[in-house]
N, C-alpha and C. Protein backbone atom coordinates (compact mmCIF):
# COMPACT_ATOMS: atom_id res chain seq x y z
N MET A 1 -100.08 -64.37 -12.10
CA MET A 1 -98.86 -63.83 -12.66
C MET A 1 -98.41 -64.69 -13.83
N PRO A 2 -97.84 -64.10 -14.87
CA PRO A 2 -97.43 -64.86 -16.02
C PRO A 2 -96.31 -65.84 -15.74
N GLY A 3 -96.01 -66.69 -16.76
CA GLY A 3 -95.25 -67.90 -16.53
C GLY A 3 -93.76 -67.80 -16.52
N MET A 4 -93.11 -68.92 -16.24
CA MET A 4 -91.68 -69.02 -16.11
C MET A 4 -91.14 -69.92 -17.20
N THR A 5 -90.08 -69.48 -17.89
CA THR A 5 -89.46 -70.28 -18.93
C THR A 5 -88.44 -71.22 -18.33
N ALA A 6 -87.89 -72.10 -19.17
CA ALA A 6 -86.88 -73.03 -18.69
C ALA A 6 -85.66 -72.31 -18.16
N SER A 7 -85.30 -71.16 -18.77
CA SER A 7 -84.11 -70.45 -18.32
C SER A 7 -84.29 -69.92 -16.91
N SER A 8 -85.51 -69.45 -16.57
CA SER A 8 -85.71 -68.95 -15.22
C SER A 8 -85.75 -70.09 -14.22
N ALA A 9 -86.23 -71.25 -14.63
CA ALA A 9 -86.26 -72.39 -13.73
C ALA A 9 -84.85 -72.85 -13.40
N ALA A 10 -83.89 -72.53 -14.28
CA ALA A 10 -82.53 -72.98 -14.08
C ALA A 10 -81.73 -72.05 -13.17
N THR A 11 -82.27 -70.89 -12.81
CA THR A 11 -81.56 -69.98 -11.95
C THR A 11 -81.51 -70.55 -10.54
N PRO A 12 -80.58 -70.05 -9.67
CA PRO A 12 -80.49 -70.56 -8.31
C PRO A 12 -81.84 -70.49 -7.60
N ASN A 13 -82.18 -71.62 -6.96
CA ASN A 13 -83.45 -71.75 -6.23
C ASN A 13 -84.67 -71.66 -7.13
N GLY A 14 -84.48 -71.77 -8.47
CA GLY A 14 -85.62 -71.67 -9.37
C GLY A 14 -86.67 -72.72 -9.09
N GLY A 15 -86.25 -73.97 -8.84
CA GLY A 15 -87.20 -75.03 -8.53
C GLY A 15 -87.93 -74.78 -7.24
N ALA A 16 -87.19 -74.32 -6.22
CA ALA A 16 -87.81 -74.01 -4.94
C ALA A 16 -88.80 -72.87 -5.08
N ASN A 17 -88.43 -71.86 -5.88
CA ASN A 17 -89.34 -70.74 -6.11
C ASN A 17 -90.63 -71.20 -6.77
N ALA A 18 -90.49 -72.06 -7.79
CA ALA A 18 -91.67 -72.55 -8.48
C ALA A 18 -92.58 -73.34 -7.55
N ALA A 19 -91.97 -74.16 -6.68
CA ALA A 19 -92.76 -74.95 -5.74
C ALA A 19 -93.50 -74.06 -4.75
N LEU A 20 -92.79 -73.04 -4.24
CA LEU A 20 -93.42 -72.10 -3.32
C LEU A 20 -94.56 -71.37 -3.99
N PHE A 21 -94.32 -70.93 -5.21
CA PHE A 21 -95.33 -70.21 -5.97
C PHE A 21 -96.56 -71.08 -6.19
N PHE A 22 -96.34 -72.36 -6.55
CA PHE A 22 -97.45 -73.28 -6.82
C PHE A 22 -98.26 -73.54 -5.55
N ARG A 23 -97.57 -73.68 -4.43
CA ARG A 23 -98.30 -73.90 -3.17
C ARG A 23 -99.18 -72.70 -2.83
N ARG A 24 -98.66 -71.50 -3.09
CA ARG A 24 -99.47 -70.32 -2.82
C ARG A 24 -100.65 -70.26 -3.77
N TRP A 25 -100.43 -70.62 -5.03
CA TRP A 25 -101.53 -70.62 -5.99
C TRP A 25 -102.62 -71.59 -5.56
N LEU A 26 -102.24 -72.77 -5.08
CA LEU A 26 -103.23 -73.74 -4.60
C LEU A 26 -104.03 -73.17 -3.44
N ALA A 27 -103.38 -72.40 -2.58
CA ALA A 27 -104.05 -71.85 -1.41
C ALA A 27 -105.05 -70.76 -1.79
N ASN A 28 -104.72 -69.97 -2.83
CA ASN A 28 -105.62 -68.87 -3.22
C ASN A 28 -105.34 -68.47 -4.66
N PRO A 29 -105.96 -69.14 -5.64
CA PRO A 29 -105.71 -68.83 -7.05
C PRO A 29 -106.01 -67.39 -7.44
N LEU A 30 -107.01 -66.76 -6.80
CA LEU A 30 -107.38 -65.40 -7.18
C LEU A 30 -106.31 -64.38 -6.80
N GLN A 31 -105.43 -64.72 -5.87
CA GLN A 31 -104.34 -63.81 -5.52
C GLN A 31 -103.19 -63.93 -6.50
N MET A 32 -103.16 -65.01 -7.27
CA MET A 32 -101.99 -65.30 -8.08
C MET A 32 -102.20 -65.09 -9.57
N GLY A 33 -103.18 -65.77 -10.15
CA GLY A 33 -103.43 -65.63 -11.57
C GLY A 33 -102.60 -66.58 -12.42
N SER A 34 -101.64 -67.29 -11.85
CA SER A 34 -100.83 -68.24 -12.59
C SER A 34 -100.25 -69.24 -11.60
N VAL A 35 -99.84 -70.41 -12.11
CA VAL A 35 -99.27 -71.42 -11.23
C VAL A 35 -97.75 -71.33 -11.16
N ILE A 36 -97.12 -70.52 -12.02
CA ILE A 36 -95.67 -70.38 -12.04
C ILE A 36 -95.26 -68.93 -12.17
N PRO A 37 -94.03 -68.57 -11.69
CA PRO A 37 -93.61 -67.16 -11.74
C PRO A 37 -93.36 -66.65 -13.15
N SER A 38 -93.15 -65.34 -13.24
CA SER A 38 -92.95 -64.67 -14.52
C SER A 38 -91.59 -65.02 -15.12
N SER A 39 -91.51 -64.99 -16.46
CA SER A 39 -90.28 -65.33 -17.16
C SER A 39 -89.26 -64.20 -17.08
N PRO A 40 -87.96 -64.51 -17.26
CA PRO A 40 -86.94 -63.46 -17.28
C PRO A 40 -87.21 -62.40 -18.34
N SER A 41 -87.70 -62.81 -19.51
CA SER A 41 -87.99 -61.86 -20.58
C SER A 41 -89.04 -60.85 -20.14
N LEU A 42 -90.11 -61.31 -19.54
CA LEU A 42 -91.15 -60.41 -19.06
C LEU A 42 -90.62 -59.51 -17.95
N CYS A 43 -89.85 -60.08 -17.03
CA CYS A 43 -89.32 -59.29 -15.92
C CYS A 43 -88.44 -58.16 -16.42
N ARG A 44 -87.62 -58.44 -17.44
CA ARG A 44 -86.77 -57.38 -18.00
C ARG A 44 -87.60 -56.29 -18.66
N ARG A 45 -88.67 -56.68 -19.34
CA ARG A 45 -89.55 -55.69 -19.97
C ARG A 45 -90.17 -54.77 -18.92
N ILE A 46 -90.62 -55.36 -17.84
CA ILE A 46 -91.22 -54.57 -16.76
C ILE A 46 -90.19 -53.59 -16.19
N ALA A 47 -89.00 -54.11 -15.89
CA ALA A 47 -87.96 -53.27 -15.29
C ALA A 47 -87.59 -52.10 -16.20
N ALA A 48 -87.60 -52.32 -17.51
CA ALA A 48 -87.22 -51.27 -18.46
C ALA A 48 -88.25 -50.14 -18.51
N LEU A 49 -89.46 -50.39 -18.01
CA LEU A 49 -90.52 -49.39 -18.06
C LEU A 49 -90.63 -48.54 -16.80
N VAL A 50 -89.76 -48.81 -15.83
CA VAL A 50 -89.81 -48.08 -14.57
C VAL A 50 -89.42 -46.62 -14.76
N GLU A 51 -90.18 -45.75 -14.14
CA GLU A 51 -89.88 -44.31 -14.09
C GLU A 51 -89.67 -43.94 -12.63
N ARG A 52 -88.52 -43.30 -12.34
CA ARG A 52 -88.23 -42.99 -10.93
C ARG A 52 -87.20 -41.88 -10.85
N ALA A 53 -87.53 -40.82 -10.10
CA ALA A 53 -86.55 -39.79 -9.77
C ALA A 53 -85.64 -40.33 -8.67
N PRO A 54 -84.47 -39.73 -8.47
CA PRO A 54 -83.53 -40.26 -7.47
C PRO A 54 -84.11 -40.38 -6.06
N ASP A 55 -85.05 -39.50 -5.71
CA ASP A 55 -85.62 -39.55 -4.36
C ASP A 55 -86.92 -40.33 -4.29
N GLU A 56 -87.27 -41.02 -5.37
CA GLU A 56 -88.52 -41.78 -5.40
C GLU A 56 -88.25 -43.28 -5.27
N VAL A 57 -89.29 -43.99 -4.88
CA VAL A 57 -89.21 -45.44 -4.74
C VAL A 57 -90.03 -46.13 -5.82
N VAL A 58 -89.73 -47.39 -6.05
CA VAL A 58 -90.55 -48.27 -6.86
C VAL A 58 -91.30 -49.18 -5.90
N VAL A 59 -92.60 -49.29 -6.09
CA VAL A 59 -93.42 -50.14 -5.23
C VAL A 59 -93.95 -51.30 -6.05
N GLU A 60 -93.66 -52.51 -5.61
CA GLU A 60 -94.16 -53.70 -6.29
C GLU A 60 -95.26 -54.32 -5.44
N LEU A 61 -96.41 -54.56 -6.06
CA LEU A 61 -97.58 -55.06 -5.37
C LEU A 61 -97.89 -56.48 -5.82
N GLY A 62 -97.77 -57.43 -4.90
CA GLY A 62 -97.97 -58.83 -5.25
C GLY A 62 -96.74 -59.40 -5.90
N ALA A 63 -95.66 -59.54 -5.13
CA ALA A 63 -94.34 -59.86 -5.70
C ALA A 63 -94.10 -61.36 -5.90
N GLY A 64 -94.97 -62.20 -5.38
CA GLY A 64 -94.74 -63.64 -5.56
C GLY A 64 -93.43 -64.07 -4.96
N THR A 65 -92.60 -64.77 -5.74
CA THR A 65 -91.30 -65.24 -5.25
C THR A 65 -90.19 -64.23 -5.47
N GLY A 66 -90.50 -63.09 -6.08
CA GLY A 66 -89.51 -62.03 -6.20
C GLY A 66 -88.76 -61.98 -7.52
N VAL A 67 -89.25 -62.66 -8.57
CA VAL A 67 -88.51 -62.65 -9.83
C VAL A 67 -88.53 -61.27 -10.48
N VAL A 68 -89.64 -60.55 -10.39
CA VAL A 68 -89.68 -59.18 -10.91
C VAL A 68 -88.81 -58.28 -10.05
N SER A 69 -88.85 -58.48 -8.74
CA SER A 69 -88.03 -57.69 -7.82
C SER A 69 -86.56 -57.80 -8.19
N ARG A 70 -86.10 -59.00 -8.45
CA ARG A 70 -84.68 -59.20 -8.80
C ARG A 70 -84.35 -58.52 -10.12
N ALA A 71 -85.27 -58.55 -11.06
CA ALA A 71 -85.04 -57.87 -12.34
C ALA A 71 -84.94 -56.36 -12.13
N LEU A 72 -85.75 -55.82 -11.23
CA LEU A 72 -85.68 -54.40 -10.93
C LEU A 72 -84.32 -54.04 -10.33
N LEU A 73 -83.83 -54.86 -9.43
CA LEU A 73 -82.52 -54.64 -8.83
C LEU A 73 -81.42 -54.75 -9.88
N ASP A 74 -81.52 -55.77 -10.74
CA ASP A 74 -80.53 -55.95 -11.81
C ASP A 74 -80.52 -54.77 -12.77
N ALA A 75 -81.67 -54.13 -12.94
CA ALA A 75 -81.79 -53.00 -13.87
C ALA A 75 -81.32 -51.68 -13.24
N GLY A 76 -80.95 -51.72 -11.97
CA GLY A 76 -80.38 -50.53 -11.35
C GLY A 76 -81.21 -49.85 -10.30
N VAL A 77 -82.38 -50.40 -9.96
CA VAL A 77 -83.14 -49.82 -8.85
C VAL A 77 -82.41 -50.17 -7.55
N PRO A 78 -81.96 -49.19 -6.78
CA PRO A 78 -81.27 -49.51 -5.52
C PRO A 78 -82.19 -50.26 -4.57
N ALA A 79 -81.62 -51.22 -3.84
CA ALA A 79 -82.43 -52.02 -2.92
C ALA A 79 -83.20 -51.14 -1.95
N GLU A 80 -82.57 -50.05 -1.49
CA GLU A 80 -83.23 -49.19 -0.52
C GLU A 80 -84.33 -48.33 -1.15
N ARG A 81 -84.45 -48.38 -2.48
CA ARG A 81 -85.50 -47.65 -3.18
C ARG A 81 -86.56 -48.59 -3.75
N LEU A 82 -86.56 -49.83 -3.32
CA LEU A 82 -87.57 -50.80 -3.74
C LEU A 82 -88.39 -51.22 -2.53
N VAL A 83 -89.70 -51.07 -2.65
CA VAL A 83 -90.63 -51.47 -1.60
C VAL A 83 -91.55 -52.54 -2.17
N VAL A 84 -91.65 -53.65 -1.47
CA VAL A 84 -92.48 -54.77 -1.91
C VAL A 84 -93.62 -54.96 -0.92
N ILE A 85 -94.83 -54.99 -1.43
CA ILE A 85 -96.01 -55.24 -0.59
C ILE A 85 -96.51 -56.65 -0.92
N GLU A 86 -96.54 -57.52 0.07
CA GLU A 86 -96.97 -58.90 -0.12
C GLU A 86 -97.92 -59.28 1.01
N ILE A 87 -99.11 -59.76 0.64
CA ILE A 87 -100.15 -60.00 1.65
C ILE A 87 -99.98 -61.33 2.39
N VAL A 88 -99.30 -62.31 1.79
CA VAL A 88 -99.17 -63.63 2.39
C VAL A 88 -97.93 -63.66 3.28
N PRO A 89 -98.07 -63.90 4.57
CA PRO A 89 -96.92 -63.84 5.48
C PRO A 89 -95.76 -64.74 5.07
N ASP A 90 -96.02 -65.98 4.66
CA ASP A 90 -94.94 -66.89 4.27
C ASP A 90 -94.17 -66.35 3.07
N MET A 91 -94.89 -65.78 2.11
CA MET A 91 -94.24 -65.22 0.94
C MET A 91 -93.43 -63.98 1.32
N ALA A 92 -93.98 -63.16 2.21
CA ALA A 92 -93.26 -61.97 2.65
C ALA A 92 -91.95 -62.35 3.34
N GLU A 93 -91.99 -63.38 4.15
CA GLU A 93 -90.78 -63.83 4.83
C GLU A 93 -89.77 -64.37 3.82
N HIS A 94 -90.23 -65.12 2.84
CA HIS A 94 -89.35 -65.59 1.77
C HIS A 94 -88.68 -64.42 1.07
N LEU A 95 -89.45 -63.37 0.77
CA LEU A 95 -88.91 -62.20 0.07
C LEU A 95 -87.88 -61.46 0.92
N ARG A 96 -88.11 -61.38 2.21
CA ARG A 96 -87.12 -60.72 3.09
C ARG A 96 -85.78 -61.44 3.03
N GLN A 97 -85.83 -62.77 2.98
CA GLN A 97 -84.60 -63.54 2.92
C GLN A 97 -83.96 -63.47 1.54
N ALA A 98 -84.79 -63.44 0.49
CA ALA A 98 -84.29 -63.47 -0.88
C ALA A 98 -83.82 -62.12 -1.39
N LEU A 99 -84.30 -61.03 -0.76
CA LEU A 99 -84.04 -59.68 -1.27
C LEU A 99 -83.45 -58.80 -0.16
N PRO A 100 -82.21 -59.07 0.23
CA PRO A 100 -81.62 -58.27 1.31
C PRO A 100 -81.55 -56.80 0.94
N GLY A 101 -81.92 -55.96 1.90
CA GLY A 101 -81.88 -54.52 1.69
C GLY A 101 -83.17 -53.93 1.15
N VAL A 102 -84.07 -54.79 0.64
CA VAL A 102 -85.35 -54.33 0.12
C VAL A 102 -86.35 -54.25 1.27
N ASP A 103 -87.18 -53.22 1.25
CA ASP A 103 -88.21 -53.05 2.28
C ASP A 103 -89.42 -53.91 1.91
N VAL A 104 -89.55 -55.05 2.55
CA VAL A 104 -90.67 -55.96 2.29
C VAL A 104 -91.71 -55.77 3.39
N ILE A 105 -92.91 -55.41 2.98
CA ILE A 105 -94.00 -55.14 3.92
C ILE A 105 -95.09 -56.18 3.72
N CYS A 106 -95.47 -56.84 4.79
CA CYS A 106 -96.59 -57.77 4.73
C CYS A 106 -97.86 -56.94 4.92
N GLY A 107 -98.55 -56.71 3.80
CA GLY A 107 -99.73 -55.86 3.85
C GLY A 107 -100.59 -56.04 2.64
N ASP A 108 -101.69 -55.31 2.60
CA ASP A 108 -102.71 -55.44 1.57
C ASP A 108 -102.56 -54.31 0.55
N ALA A 109 -102.36 -54.66 -0.72
CA ALA A 109 -102.22 -53.64 -1.77
C ALA A 109 -103.47 -52.79 -1.90
N PHE A 110 -104.61 -53.34 -1.55
CA PHE A 110 -105.86 -52.59 -1.64
C PHE A 110 -106.03 -51.62 -0.47
N GLU A 111 -105.12 -51.73 0.50
CA GLU A 111 -105.06 -50.78 1.62
C GLU A 111 -103.69 -50.10 1.60
N LEU A 112 -103.24 -49.75 0.42
CA LEU A 112 -101.88 -49.23 0.24
C LEU A 112 -101.58 -48.00 1.09
N PRO A 113 -102.48 -47.05 1.24
CA PRO A 113 -102.16 -45.91 2.10
C PRO A 113 -101.82 -46.30 3.54
N LYS A 114 -102.39 -47.40 4.02
CA LYS A 114 -102.08 -47.87 5.36
C LYS A 114 -100.79 -48.70 5.36
N ALA A 115 -100.58 -49.50 4.31
CA ALA A 115 -99.43 -50.40 4.27
C ALA A 115 -98.12 -49.65 4.03
N LEU A 116 -98.16 -48.64 3.17
CA LEU A 116 -96.95 -47.91 2.80
C LEU A 116 -96.66 -46.82 3.83
N PRO A 117 -95.42 -46.75 4.33
CA PRO A 117 -95.10 -45.70 5.31
C PRO A 117 -95.47 -44.32 4.78
N GLU A 118 -95.99 -43.48 5.65
CA GLU A 118 -96.49 -42.16 5.24
C GLU A 118 -95.39 -41.31 4.61
N ARG A 119 -94.13 -41.51 5.04
CA ARG A 119 -93.03 -40.72 4.48
C ARG A 119 -92.83 -40.98 2.99
N LEU A 120 -93.38 -42.09 2.49
CA LEU A 120 -93.24 -42.43 1.07
C LEU A 120 -94.45 -42.02 0.24
N HIS A 121 -95.49 -41.53 0.87
CA HIS A 121 -96.65 -41.05 0.12
C HIS A 121 -96.22 -39.85 -0.72
N GLY A 122 -96.52 -39.90 -2.01
CA GLY A 122 -96.09 -38.85 -2.91
C GLY A 122 -94.67 -39.03 -3.41
N LYS A 123 -93.99 -40.12 -3.00
CA LYS A 123 -92.62 -40.40 -3.41
C LYS A 123 -92.52 -41.70 -4.20
N VAL A 124 -93.63 -42.12 -4.80
CA VAL A 124 -93.66 -43.35 -5.58
C VAL A 124 -93.47 -43.00 -7.05
N GLY A 125 -92.36 -43.41 -7.64
CA GLY A 125 -92.12 -43.15 -9.05
C GLY A 125 -92.94 -44.07 -9.93
N THR A 126 -92.88 -45.37 -9.63
CA THR A 126 -93.64 -46.38 -10.38
C THR A 126 -94.19 -47.41 -9.41
N ALA A 127 -95.47 -47.73 -9.57
CA ALA A 127 -96.09 -48.86 -8.88
C ALA A 127 -96.28 -49.96 -9.91
N ILE A 128 -95.92 -51.18 -9.53
CA ILE A 128 -96.00 -52.33 -10.44
C ILE A 128 -96.94 -53.35 -9.82
N CYS A 129 -97.93 -53.77 -10.59
CA CYS A 129 -98.96 -54.68 -10.07
C CYS A 129 -98.84 -56.06 -10.71
N GLY A 130 -98.68 -57.08 -9.87
CA GLY A 130 -98.71 -58.46 -10.32
C GLY A 130 -99.97 -59.18 -9.89
N ILE A 131 -100.94 -58.43 -9.39
CA ILE A 131 -102.21 -59.00 -8.93
C ILE A 131 -103.13 -59.16 -10.14
N PRO A 132 -103.82 -60.29 -10.28
CA PRO A 132 -104.71 -60.49 -11.43
C PRO A 132 -106.00 -59.69 -11.31
N LEU A 133 -105.89 -58.38 -11.53
CA LEU A 133 -107.04 -57.49 -11.37
C LEU A 133 -108.17 -57.83 -12.32
N VAL A 134 -107.85 -58.42 -13.48
CA VAL A 134 -108.87 -58.74 -14.47
C VAL A 134 -109.92 -59.70 -13.90
N MET A 135 -109.55 -60.47 -12.88
CA MET A 135 -110.44 -61.47 -12.31
C MET A 135 -111.36 -60.88 -11.23
N LEU A 136 -111.19 -59.60 -10.92
CA LEU A 136 -111.93 -58.99 -9.83
C LEU A 136 -113.09 -58.13 -10.35
N PRO A 137 -114.14 -57.96 -9.56
CA PRO A 137 -115.24 -57.07 -9.95
C PRO A 137 -114.75 -55.63 -10.02
N ILE A 138 -115.47 -54.81 -10.78
CA ILE A 138 -115.01 -53.44 -11.00
C ILE A 138 -114.92 -52.66 -9.69
N GLU A 139 -115.73 -52.99 -8.70
CA GLU A 139 -115.64 -52.27 -7.43
C GLU A 139 -114.28 -52.49 -6.78
N GLN A 140 -113.76 -53.71 -6.88
CA GLN A 140 -112.44 -54.00 -6.34
C GLN A 140 -111.35 -53.36 -7.19
N GLN A 141 -111.53 -53.37 -8.50
CA GLN A 141 -110.57 -52.70 -9.37
C GLN A 141 -110.49 -51.22 -9.04
N ARG A 142 -111.64 -50.59 -8.84
CA ARG A 142 -111.67 -49.17 -8.50
C ARG A 142 -111.01 -48.93 -7.15
N ARG A 143 -111.20 -49.83 -6.23
CA ARG A 143 -110.55 -49.71 -4.92
C ARG A 143 -109.03 -49.75 -5.06
N PHE A 144 -108.55 -50.61 -5.95
CA PHE A 144 -107.10 -50.68 -6.19
C PHE A 144 -106.59 -49.38 -6.81
N VAL A 145 -107.28 -48.90 -7.83
CA VAL A 145 -106.89 -47.66 -8.50
C VAL A 145 -106.84 -46.52 -7.50
N ASP A 146 -107.84 -46.42 -6.64
CA ASP A 146 -107.89 -45.35 -5.64
C ASP A 146 -106.75 -45.48 -4.64
N ALA A 147 -106.40 -46.72 -4.28
CA ALA A 147 -105.31 -46.94 -3.33
C ALA A 147 -103.98 -46.46 -3.89
N VAL A 148 -103.72 -46.76 -5.17
CA VAL A 148 -102.48 -46.30 -5.80
C VAL A 148 -102.48 -44.78 -5.92
N GLU A 149 -103.60 -44.21 -6.33
CA GLU A 149 -103.68 -42.76 -6.51
C GLU A 149 -103.44 -42.03 -5.19
N ALA A 150 -103.83 -42.64 -4.09
CA ALA A 150 -103.67 -41.99 -2.79
C ALA A 150 -102.20 -41.81 -2.41
N VAL A 151 -101.33 -42.72 -2.87
CA VAL A 151 -99.91 -42.63 -2.50
C VAL A 151 -99.03 -42.16 -3.65
N ALA A 152 -99.56 -42.22 -4.88
CA ALA A 152 -98.79 -41.82 -6.06
C ALA A 152 -99.68 -40.98 -6.97
N PRO A 153 -100.07 -39.78 -6.53
CA PRO A 153 -101.02 -38.97 -7.29
C PRO A 153 -100.56 -38.71 -8.72
N GLY A 154 -101.44 -39.08 -9.67
CA GLY A 154 -101.17 -38.83 -11.07
C GLY A 154 -100.21 -39.77 -11.76
N ARG A 155 -99.59 -40.68 -11.00
CA ARG A 155 -98.55 -41.52 -11.57
C ARG A 155 -99.09 -42.80 -12.21
N GLY A 156 -100.20 -43.31 -11.71
CA GLY A 156 -100.75 -44.54 -12.25
C GLY A 156 -99.91 -45.74 -11.86
N PHE A 157 -99.98 -46.81 -12.70
CA PHE A 157 -99.28 -48.05 -12.36
C PHE A 157 -99.06 -48.89 -13.61
N LEU A 158 -98.11 -49.80 -13.52
CA LEU A 158 -97.89 -50.83 -14.53
C LEU A 158 -98.59 -52.11 -14.08
N LEU A 159 -99.23 -52.79 -15.03
CA LEU A 159 -99.91 -54.05 -14.74
C LEU A 159 -99.47 -55.07 -15.77
N TYR A 160 -98.92 -56.19 -15.32
CA TYR A 160 -98.57 -57.24 -16.28
C TYR A 160 -99.61 -58.35 -16.23
N THR A 161 -99.90 -58.88 -17.42
CA THR A 161 -101.11 -59.68 -17.60
C THR A 161 -100.98 -60.58 -18.83
N TYR A 162 -101.80 -61.61 -18.91
CA TYR A 162 -101.90 -62.43 -20.11
C TYR A 162 -102.68 -61.73 -21.22
N CYS A 163 -103.45 -60.73 -20.87
CA CYS A 163 -104.39 -60.13 -21.82
C CYS A 163 -103.68 -59.28 -22.87
N ILE A 164 -104.04 -59.46 -24.14
CA ILE A 164 -103.52 -58.60 -25.20
C ILE A 164 -104.31 -57.30 -25.21
N THR A 165 -105.62 -57.40 -25.09
CA THR A 165 -106.45 -56.21 -24.91
C THR A 165 -106.41 -55.81 -23.44
N SER A 166 -106.83 -54.59 -23.14
CA SER A 166 -106.73 -54.10 -21.77
C SER A 166 -107.50 -55.00 -20.80
N PRO A 167 -106.85 -55.45 -19.72
CA PRO A 167 -107.55 -56.27 -18.73
C PRO A 167 -108.46 -55.45 -17.83
N LEU A 168 -108.34 -54.13 -17.89
CA LEU A 168 -109.19 -53.26 -17.07
C LEU A 168 -110.10 -52.42 -17.96
N PRO A 169 -111.33 -52.16 -17.51
CA PRO A 169 -112.23 -51.25 -18.24
C PRO A 169 -111.80 -49.81 -17.94
N TRP A 170 -110.74 -49.37 -18.59
CA TRP A 170 -110.03 -48.16 -18.18
C TRP A 170 -110.89 -46.90 -18.24
N ARG A 171 -111.77 -46.81 -19.22
CA ARG A 171 -112.63 -45.62 -19.28
C ARG A 171 -113.55 -45.55 -18.05
N ARG A 172 -114.13 -46.67 -17.69
CA ARG A 172 -115.03 -46.70 -16.53
C ARG A 172 -114.29 -46.41 -15.24
N LEU A 173 -113.00 -46.69 -15.22
CA LEU A 173 -112.19 -46.45 -14.03
C LEU A 173 -111.53 -45.07 -14.04
N GLY A 174 -111.81 -44.28 -15.09
CA GLY A 174 -111.24 -42.94 -15.17
C GLY A 174 -109.75 -42.94 -15.46
N LEU A 175 -109.31 -43.89 -16.29
CA LEU A 175 -107.89 -44.04 -16.58
C LEU A 175 -107.61 -43.86 -18.06
N SER A 176 -106.37 -43.58 -18.39
CA SER A 176 -105.85 -43.76 -19.74
C SER A 176 -105.09 -45.08 -19.73
N ALA A 177 -104.98 -45.72 -20.90
CA ALA A 177 -104.36 -47.04 -20.98
C ALA A 177 -103.45 -47.13 -22.19
N ARG A 178 -102.31 -47.77 -22.01
CA ARG A 178 -101.38 -47.99 -23.12
C ARG A 178 -100.64 -49.30 -22.90
N ARG A 179 -100.66 -50.16 -23.91
CA ARG A 179 -99.87 -51.39 -23.82
C ARG A 179 -98.43 -51.04 -24.15
N GLU A 180 -97.56 -51.18 -23.17
CA GLU A 180 -96.17 -50.77 -23.31
C GLU A 180 -95.26 -51.88 -23.81
N ALA A 181 -95.65 -53.12 -23.57
CA ALA A 181 -94.77 -54.24 -23.95
C ALA A 181 -95.59 -55.50 -24.13
N TRP A 182 -95.08 -56.38 -24.97
CA TRP A 182 -95.65 -57.71 -25.16
C TRP A 182 -94.50 -58.67 -25.35
N THR A 183 -94.54 -59.79 -24.67
CA THR A 183 -93.46 -60.76 -24.78
C THR A 183 -93.99 -62.15 -25.11
N PRO A 184 -93.74 -62.63 -26.32
CA PRO A 184 -94.17 -63.99 -26.68
C PRO A 184 -93.34 -65.05 -25.98
N ARG A 185 -92.23 -64.66 -25.35
CA ARG A 185 -91.35 -65.65 -24.71
C ARG A 185 -91.83 -66.02 -23.32
N ASN A 186 -92.84 -65.33 -22.83
CA ASN A 186 -93.45 -65.75 -21.57
C ASN A 186 -94.41 -66.89 -21.88
N ILE A 187 -94.68 -67.74 -20.90
CA ILE A 187 -95.60 -68.85 -21.08
C ILE A 187 -96.76 -68.68 -20.11
N PRO A 188 -97.97 -68.30 -20.59
CA PRO A 188 -98.29 -67.90 -21.96
C PRO A 188 -97.78 -66.49 -22.23
N PRO A 189 -97.85 -66.02 -23.49
CA PRO A 189 -97.41 -64.65 -23.80
C PRO A 189 -98.10 -63.63 -22.90
N ALA A 190 -97.36 -62.59 -22.55
CA ALA A 190 -97.86 -61.61 -21.59
C ALA A 190 -97.69 -60.18 -22.11
N SER A 191 -98.50 -59.29 -21.59
CA SER A 191 -98.44 -57.88 -21.92
C SER A 191 -98.18 -57.07 -20.66
N VAL A 192 -97.62 -55.88 -20.85
CA VAL A 192 -97.47 -54.92 -19.76
C VAL A 192 -98.23 -53.67 -20.15
N TRP A 193 -99.19 -53.30 -19.33
CA TRP A 193 -100.02 -52.12 -19.57
C TRP A 193 -99.67 -51.03 -18.58
N ARG A 194 -99.66 -49.77 -19.06
CA ARG A 194 -99.50 -48.63 -18.17
C ARG A 194 -100.83 -47.87 -18.10
N TYR A 195 -101.29 -47.69 -16.88
CA TYR A 195 -102.53 -46.95 -16.63
C TYR A 195 -102.20 -45.68 -15.85
N ARG A 196 -102.81 -44.58 -16.26
CA ARG A 196 -102.67 -43.32 -15.54
C ARG A 196 -104.05 -42.70 -15.39
N PRO A 197 -104.22 -41.83 -14.38
CA PRO A 197 -105.50 -41.11 -14.28
C PRO A 197 -105.74 -40.29 -15.55
N ALA A 198 -106.94 -40.37 -16.08
CA ALA A 198 -107.26 -39.64 -17.31
C ALA A 198 -107.29 -38.15 -17.02
N ARG A 199 -106.86 -37.38 -17.97
CA ARG A 199 -106.85 -35.91 -17.81
C ARG A 199 -108.13 -35.34 -18.41
N GLY A 200 -108.66 -34.35 -17.72
CA GLY A 200 -109.83 -33.64 -18.22
C GLY A 200 -111.05 -34.49 -18.30
């Protein structure tokens, strides 16, 4: 996940969040992609790209310490309409305490149809991915794409990344790709890409 600026470190519990994030990165770097959480600038960019009807939820996959989650709430996503999937039990417990009212599920984003309650299948407005998919083999990338498509048909997902060019081989994955945002204020600079199933 992209980096944290000095302003985000100064927020309440910012130091504790960074320490928790770093410990998780040490335990499994491939789940994280960065040693520090995302900057406020990047989080606001992500939140501004959310698409959601009133009866739909936003699903965040790989929430880390919850900095993107808080930006989503600040941008007007109701807590009861935000679902966070986090595979690491300690991080999931941290998120439950940090994000009251948000549905935090300890589960695997690559098994999203099993992790997400069935009543929400087809009710996902936007899925947001903080998992470093660029570091995974294409078979795993395809598994992720299929998992999102199973619960959010045709909607695709947002992926935030250090990459200026697409971090996913979108044509091979049957996707369309568009870079929606770039923020030089993240450390290092980060992009937000929107992927959708390709038409025709």
